[in-house]
Structure formats: C-alpha cells, structure tokens
N, C-alpha and C. Protein backbone atom coordinates (compact mmCIF):
# COMPACT_ATOMS: atom_id res chain seq x y z
N UNK A 1 79.28 93.48 91.91
CA UNK A 1 79.82 94.12 92.85
C UNK A 1 81.30 94.07 93.00
N UNK A 2 81.74 95.45 93.48
CA UNK A 2 83.00 95.80 93.78
C UNK A 2 83.52 95.07 94.93
N UNK A 3 84.59 94.53 94.92
CA UNK A 3 85.23 93.67 96.42
C UNK A 3 85.98 94.69 96.75
N UNK A 4 86.62 94.03 97.98
CA UNK A 4 87.72 95.03 98.91
C UNK A 4 88.83 94.57 98.29
N UNK A 5 89.12 93.69 97.56
CA UNK A 5 90.51 93.20 96.82
C UNK A 5 90.56 94.46 95.87
N UNK A 6 89.45 94.59 95.10
CA UNK A 6 89.46 95.60 94.13
C UNK A 6 90.04 97.15 94.61
N UNK A 7 89.38 97.37 95.56
CA UNK A 7 89.66 98.70 96.20
C UNK A 7 91.19 98.61 96.51
N UNK A 8 91.43 97.46 97.20
CA UNK A 8 93.01 97.52 97.73
C UNK A 8 94.11 97.84 96.63
N UNK A 9 93.68 97.04 95.47
CA UNK A 9 94.52 97.05 94.39
C UNK A 9 94.76 98.51 93.74
N UNK A 10 93.29 99.14 93.61
CA UNK A 10 93.61 100.61 93.29
C UNK A 10 94.31 101.40 94.24
N UNK A 11 94.22 101.05 95.43
CA UNK A 11 94.77 101.80 96.40
C UNK A 11 96.14 101.65 96.59
N UNK A 12 96.67 100.49 96.22
CA UNK A 12 98.21 100.06 96.08
C UNK A 12 98.53 100.85 94.91
N UNK A 13 97.98 100.93 94.04
CA UNK A 13 98.52 101.40 92.62
C UNK A 13 98.50 103.04 92.83
N UNK A 14 97.76 103.90 93.59
CA UNK A 14 97.85 105.15 93.90
C UNK A 14 99.08 105.35 94.62
N UNK A 15 98.96 104.55 95.67
CA UNK A 15 100.35 105.03 96.76
C UNK A 15 101.46 104.58 95.76
N UNK A 16 101.55 103.40 94.98
CA UNK A 16 102.98 103.56 94.32
C UNK A 16 103.23 104.84 93.39
N UNK A 17 102.36 105.20 92.76
CA UNK A 17 102.21 106.43 92.12
C UNK A 17 102.81 107.51 92.93
N UNK A 18 102.16 107.80 94.09
CA UNK A 18 102.63 108.92 94.96
C UNK A 18 104.00 108.67 95.72
N UNK A 19 104.11 107.41 96.11
CA UNK A 19 105.42 107.12 96.46
C UNK A 19 106.85 107.62 95.45
N UNK A 20 106.62 107.00 94.08
CA UNK A 20 107.68 107.34 93.24
C UNK A 20 107.60 108.87 93.08
N UNK A 21 106.51 109.49 93.01
CA UNK A 21 106.77 111.04 92.79
C UNK A 21 107.53 111.54 94.11
N UNK A 22 107.00 111.03 95.27
CA UNK A 22 107.49 111.53 96.62
C UNK A 22 109.43 111.74 96.48
N UNK A 23 109.49 110.48 96.07
CA UNK A 23 110.93 110.35 96.30
C UNK A 23 111.73 111.02 94.71
N UNK A 24 111.07 110.87 93.76
CA UNK A 24 111.51 111.61 92.65
C UNK A 24 111.99 113.38 93.22
N UNK A 25 110.78 113.70 93.96
CA UNK A 25 110.54 115.11 94.34
C UNK A 25 111.79 115.34 95.22
N UNK A 26 112.05 114.54 96.26
CA UNK A 26 113.18 114.60 96.97
C UNK A 26 114.34 114.89 96.25
N UNK A 27 114.80 113.65 95.53
CA UNK A 27 115.80 113.97 94.44
C UNK A 27 116.23 115.08 93.72
N UNK A 28 115.05 115.47 93.31
CA UNK A 28 115.12 117.01 92.55
C UNK A 28 115.46 117.98 93.69
N UNK A 29 114.70 118.31 94.60
CA UNK A 29 115.15 119.16 95.54
C UNK A 29 116.43 119.17 95.79
N UNK A 30 117.22 118.03 95.64
CA UNK A 30 118.58 118.14 96.10
C UNK A 30 119.63 118.68 94.97
N UNK A 31 118.96 118.86 93.88
CA UNK A 31 119.74 119.29 92.62
C UNK A 31 119.14 120.81 92.42
N UNK A 32 118.29 121.34 92.95
CA UNK A 32 118.08 122.95 92.56
C UNK A 32 118.80 123.64 93.59
N UNK A 33 119.38 124.88 92.95
CA UNK A 33 120.25 125.82 93.55
C UNK A 33 119.77 126.61 94.78
N UNK A 34 118.74 127.26 94.18
CA UNK A 34 118.16 128.25 95.41
C UNK A 34 117.22 127.77 96.53
N UNK A 35 117.15 128.41 97.42
CA UNK A 35 116.53 128.21 98.74
C UNK A 35 114.99 128.04 98.10
N UNK A 36 114.32 129.22 97.67
CA UNK A 36 113.16 129.31 97.48
C UNK A 36 112.56 128.10 96.51
N UNK A 37 113.19 127.77 95.47
CA UNK A 37 112.91 126.53 94.52
C UNK A 37 113.06 125.24 95.40
N UNK A 38 114.08 125.07 96.49
CA UNK A 38 113.97 123.88 97.25
C UNK A 38 112.88 124.27 98.23
N UNK A 39 112.42 125.00 98.79
CA UNK A 39 111.17 125.02 99.50
C UNK A 39 110.00 124.87 98.79
N UNK A 40 109.89 125.36 97.62
CA UNK A 40 108.50 125.08 96.76
C UNK A 40 108.77 123.51 96.49
N UNK A 41 109.58 122.89 96.50
CA UNK A 41 109.56 121.74 96.06
C UNK A 41 109.23 120.82 97.34
N UNK A 42 109.97 121.13 98.57
CA UNK A 42 109.45 120.64 99.93
C UNK A 42 108.00 120.82 100.17
N UNK A 43 107.27 121.96 99.84
CA UNK A 43 105.73 122.01 100.16
C UNK A 43 105.35 120.90 99.08
N UNK A 44 105.53 120.88 97.93
CA UNK A 44 104.89 119.73 97.08
C UNK A 44 105.21 118.30 97.99
N UNK A 45 106.37 118.23 98.11
CA UNK A 45 106.71 116.68 98.97
C UNK A 45 105.58 116.68 100.02
N UNK A 46 105.51 117.46 100.84
CA UNK A 46 104.56 117.47 101.91
C UNK A 46 103.10 117.37 101.55
N UNK A 47 102.63 118.03 100.68
CA UNK A 47 101.20 117.91 100.06
C UNK A 47 101.09 116.47 99.50
N UNK A 48 101.96 115.99 98.89
CA UNK A 48 101.96 114.61 98.22
C UNK A 48 101.80 113.35 99.51
N UNK A 49 102.69 113.77 100.48
CA UNK A 49 102.86 112.79 101.89
C UNK A 49 101.20 112.96 102.15
N UNK A 50 100.64 114.12 102.65
CA UNK A 50 99.33 114.12 102.76
C UNK A 50 98.55 113.28 102.10
N UNK A 51 98.34 113.72 100.67
CA UNK A 51 97.36 112.91 100.00
C UNK A 51 97.66 111.39 100.19
N UNK A 52 98.77 110.97 100.54
CA UNK A 52 99.04 109.45 100.57
C UNK A 52 98.44 108.91 101.65
N UNK A 53 98.58 109.57 102.96
CA UNK A 53 98.23 109.56 104.12
C UNK A 53 96.58 109.41 103.93
N UNK A 54 96.00 110.21 103.54
CA UNK A 54 94.48 110.23 103.11
C UNK A 54 94.11 109.22 102.27
N UNK A 55 94.88 108.72 101.28
CA UNK A 55 94.41 107.78 100.36
C UNK A 55 94.45 106.38 101.03
N UNK A 56 95.33 106.40 101.95
CA UNK A 56 95.46 105.14 102.63
C UNK A 56 94.24 105.02 103.57
N UNK A 57 94.10 106.21 104.28
CA UNK A 57 92.79 106.05 105.38
C UNK A 57 91.64 105.98 104.65
N UNK A 58 91.24 106.71 103.58
CA UNK A 58 90.23 106.44 102.97
C UNK A 58 89.56 105.09 102.39
N UNK A 59 90.77 104.73 101.66
CA UNK A 59 90.53 103.48 101.02
C UNK A 59 89.99 102.26 101.87
N UNK A 60 90.45 102.35 103.21
CA UNK A 60 90.07 101.44 104.42
C UNK A 60 88.65 101.68 104.79
N UNK A 61 88.28 103.08 104.75
CA UNK A 61 87.10 103.32 105.17
C UNK A 61 85.93 102.94 103.88
N UNK A 62 86.44 102.94 102.54
CA UNK A 62 85.69 102.68 101.40
C UNK A 62 85.35 101.41 101.46
N UNK A 63 86.05 100.55 101.90
CA UNK A 63 85.97 99.19 102.12
C UNK A 63 84.94 98.62 102.94
N UNK A 64 84.58 99.58 104.10
CA UNK A 64 83.52 99.13 105.21
C UNK A 64 82.28 99.56 104.41
N UNK A 65 82.16 100.35 103.42
CA UNK A 65 80.90 101.08 103.02
C UNK A 65 80.64 100.29 101.48
N UNK A 66 80.51 99.04 101.56
CA UNK A 66 80.12 98.44 100.17
C UNK A 66 78.82 98.97 99.22
N UNK A 67 77.85 99.22 99.75
CA UNK A 67 76.71 99.80 98.82
C UNK A 67 77.05 100.56 97.93
N UNK A 68 78.06 101.43 97.98
CA UNK A 68 78.40 102.40 97.01
C UNK A 68 79.70 102.13 96.21
N UNK A 69 80.35 100.98 96.58
CA UNK A 69 81.87 100.48 96.12
C UNK A 69 81.66 100.74 94.42
N UNK A 70 80.86 100.30 93.67
CA UNK A 70 81.11 100.14 92.32
C UNK A 70 81.40 101.56 91.85
N UNK A 71 80.49 102.75 92.09
CA UNK A 71 80.53 103.96 91.70
C UNK A 71 81.94 104.65 92.07
N UNK A 72 82.12 104.12 93.55
CA UNK A 72 83.49 104.79 94.04
C UNK A 72 84.54 104.26 93.43
N UNK A 73 84.53 102.68 92.80
CA UNK A 73 85.85 102.22 92.48
C UNK A 73 85.83 102.72 90.96
N UNK A 74 84.94 103.13 90.22
CA UNK A 74 84.84 103.71 89.01
C UNK A 74 85.61 105.08 88.96
N UNK A 75 85.24 106.03 89.86
CA UNK A 75 85.85 107.23 90.03
C UNK A 75 87.35 107.19 90.54
N UNK A 76 87.78 106.41 91.34
CA UNK A 76 88.85 106.13 91.94
C UNK A 76 89.79 105.54 90.78
N UNK A 77 89.31 104.53 90.05
CA UNK A 77 90.07 104.35 88.68
C UNK A 77 90.40 105.29 87.98
N UNK A 78 89.60 106.15 87.68
CA UNK A 78 89.68 107.19 86.70
C UNK A 78 90.71 108.12 87.26
N UNK A 79 90.69 108.38 88.48
CA UNK A 79 91.40 109.31 89.13
C UNK A 79 92.93 108.98 89.24
N UNK A 80 93.20 107.59 89.46
CA UNK A 80 94.58 107.05 89.46
C UNK A 80 95.06 106.89 88.36
N UNK A 81 94.21 106.86 87.15
CA UNK A 81 94.72 106.96 85.91
C UNK A 81 95.33 108.70 85.67
N UNK A 82 94.59 109.47 86.06
CA UNK A 82 94.93 110.72 86.15
C UNK A 82 96.35 111.10 86.61
N UNK A 83 96.31 110.52 87.93
CA UNK A 83 97.56 110.63 88.77
C UNK A 83 98.78 109.95 87.85
N UNK A 84 98.65 108.87 87.42
CA UNK A 84 99.79 108.05 86.55
C UNK A 84 100.23 109.11 85.44
N UNK A 85 99.12 109.68 84.83
CA UNK A 85 99.35 110.55 83.64
C UNK A 85 100.30 111.79 84.13
N UNK A 86 99.73 112.45 85.35
CA UNK A 86 100.38 113.71 85.87
C UNK A 86 102.20 113.07 86.35
N UNK A 87 101.88 111.94 86.92
CA UNK A 87 103.44 111.59 87.36
C UNK A 87 104.36 111.41 86.26
N UNK A 88 103.98 110.97 85.11
CA UNK A 88 104.69 110.82 83.98
C UNK A 88 105.25 111.98 83.53
N UNK A 89 104.64 113.19 83.76
CA UNK A 89 104.71 114.38 82.95
C UNK A 89 105.93 115.08 84.03
N UNK A 90 106.04 114.55 85.40
CA UNK A 90 106.91 115.17 86.40
C UNK A 90 108.35 114.92 86.31
N UNK A 91 108.40 114.01 85.28
CA UNK A 91 110.17 113.57 84.88
C UNK A 91 110.86 114.75 84.60
N UNK A 92 110.15 115.63 83.72
CA UNK A 92 110.88 116.87 83.51
C UNK A 92 110.84 117.91 84.31
N UNK A 93 112.18 118.24 84.60
CA UNK A 93 112.35 119.10 86.14
C UNK A 93 111.77 120.22 85.86
N UNK A 94 111.88 120.88 84.80
CA UNK A 94 111.31 122.31 84.35
C UNK A 94 109.96 122.54 84.62
N UNK A 95 108.94 121.24 84.54
CA UNK A 95 107.75 121.17 84.68
C UNK A 95 107.32 120.64 86.10
N UNK A 96 108.24 120.47 87.11
CA UNK A 96 107.67 119.93 88.25
C UNK A 96 107.01 120.44 88.89
N UNK A 97 106.84 121.98 89.07
CA UNK A 97 105.71 122.56 89.93
C UNK A 97 104.43 122.27 89.48
N UNK A 98 104.23 122.49 88.11
CA UNK A 98 102.98 122.52 87.53
C UNK A 98 102.56 121.02 87.37
N UNK A 99 103.23 120.21 87.21
CA UNK A 99 102.87 118.61 87.12
C UNK A 99 102.40 118.13 88.41
N UNK A 100 103.31 118.68 89.49
CA UNK A 100 103.03 118.33 90.68
C UNK A 100 101.54 118.69 91.18
N UNK A 101 101.28 119.93 91.00
CA UNK A 101 99.92 120.29 91.06
C UNK A 101 98.73 119.64 90.50
N UNK A 102 99.10 119.21 89.15
CA UNK A 102 98.15 118.36 88.51
C UNK A 102 97.95 117.02 89.25
N UNK A 103 99.16 116.17 89.85
CA UNK A 103 99.03 115.07 90.50
C UNK A 103 98.24 115.39 91.88
N UNK A 104 98.35 116.45 92.33
CA UNK A 104 97.84 116.38 93.63
C UNK A 104 96.24 116.72 93.32
N UNK A 105 95.98 117.49 92.23
CA UNK A 105 94.62 117.30 91.87
C UNK A 105 93.94 116.12 91.58
N UNK A 106 94.69 115.15 90.92
CA UNK A 106 94.29 114.05 90.59
C UNK A 106 93.95 113.16 91.93
N UNK A 107 95.01 113.11 92.93
CA UNK A 107 94.98 112.44 94.10
C UNK A 107 93.55 112.72 94.79
N UNK A 108 93.35 114.17 94.73
CA UNK A 108 92.26 114.99 95.35
C UNK A 108 90.89 114.16 94.94
N UNK A 109 90.86 114.02 93.76
CA UNK A 109 89.82 113.27 92.95
C UNK A 109 89.57 111.80 93.48
N UNK A 110 90.92 111.01 93.52
CA UNK A 110 90.73 109.75 94.18
C UNK A 110 90.25 109.84 95.50
N UNK A 111 90.68 110.86 96.31
CA UNK A 111 90.10 110.74 97.75
C UNK A 111 88.92 111.08 97.91
N UNK A 112 88.08 112.26 96.91
CA UNK A 112 86.79 112.33 96.81
C UNK A 112 85.89 111.02 96.39
N UNK A 113 86.34 110.48 95.45
CA UNK A 113 85.74 109.11 95.13
C UNK A 113 85.79 108.20 96.33
N UNK A 114 86.57 108.02 97.18
CA UNK A 114 86.61 107.30 98.52
C UNK A 114 85.73 107.77 99.53
N UNK A 115 85.69 108.93 99.61
CA UNK A 115 84.84 109.95 100.83
C UNK A 115 83.52 109.41 100.28
N UNK A 116 83.01 109.43 99.33
CA UNK A 116 81.82 109.19 98.62
C UNK A 116 81.22 107.66 98.73
N UNK A 117 82.13 106.82 99.03
CA UNK A 117 81.95 105.39 99.05
C UNK A 117 81.07 104.80 100.53
C-alpha cells in the first residue's frame, strides 16, 4: 500500500523539476533579444508555474484518497520521470519552446494521475 510519505516524496521531486525549469526559463528570457521570443518564454513560465501550483494542490488531495494510491503513485512516478527527461533537454536554448511543451505535457500526466487517486 502506498503511503502519504511516498506521494509527498514524488510531489517534491516534481516540484523541484518545475522550480529548476522556471528559474532556467527566467534566466533564458533575459538573454533573448526579441520581444516575441521573450513573450513566448514568459508564457511558458506562466504555464510551468500553473502546473507547479496544480501539482502541489492535487498531491494533497491524492493523499486523502488512499484506496487508489497505488495506481496513482505508479502513474505519478512515470510522469515525473518524463518531466525530468524533458527538463534535461531544456538546457539547450534553441530547443526551449519544444522541450517546455514536453515538460508541460509530462506535468499534465502527473496531475492526471493525482486527480484519479
């Protein structure tokens, strides 16, 4: 049986990934010259911050619904691994928008897993 501690650990891992990418995106935004490129990154930062807030909220709810936690944890671990992989690809500035989209998609999978718990 999954414990609340395990959900909390995976949540913290996901939050750390998102936090790192939010900070990297803000730093990257300061290096691009054109306003459209800056706006695109600003939009991605907003989306990442929204996923961060959602992850925090839904992890707390998942911990309250213990019967389905085992399956939720499995899906959450898988989605968090995808988030980590996408975050690793975001280091290259040329691929930032595409990889940010992949990270957002993986975060959405993590949130879906928590919502189903």
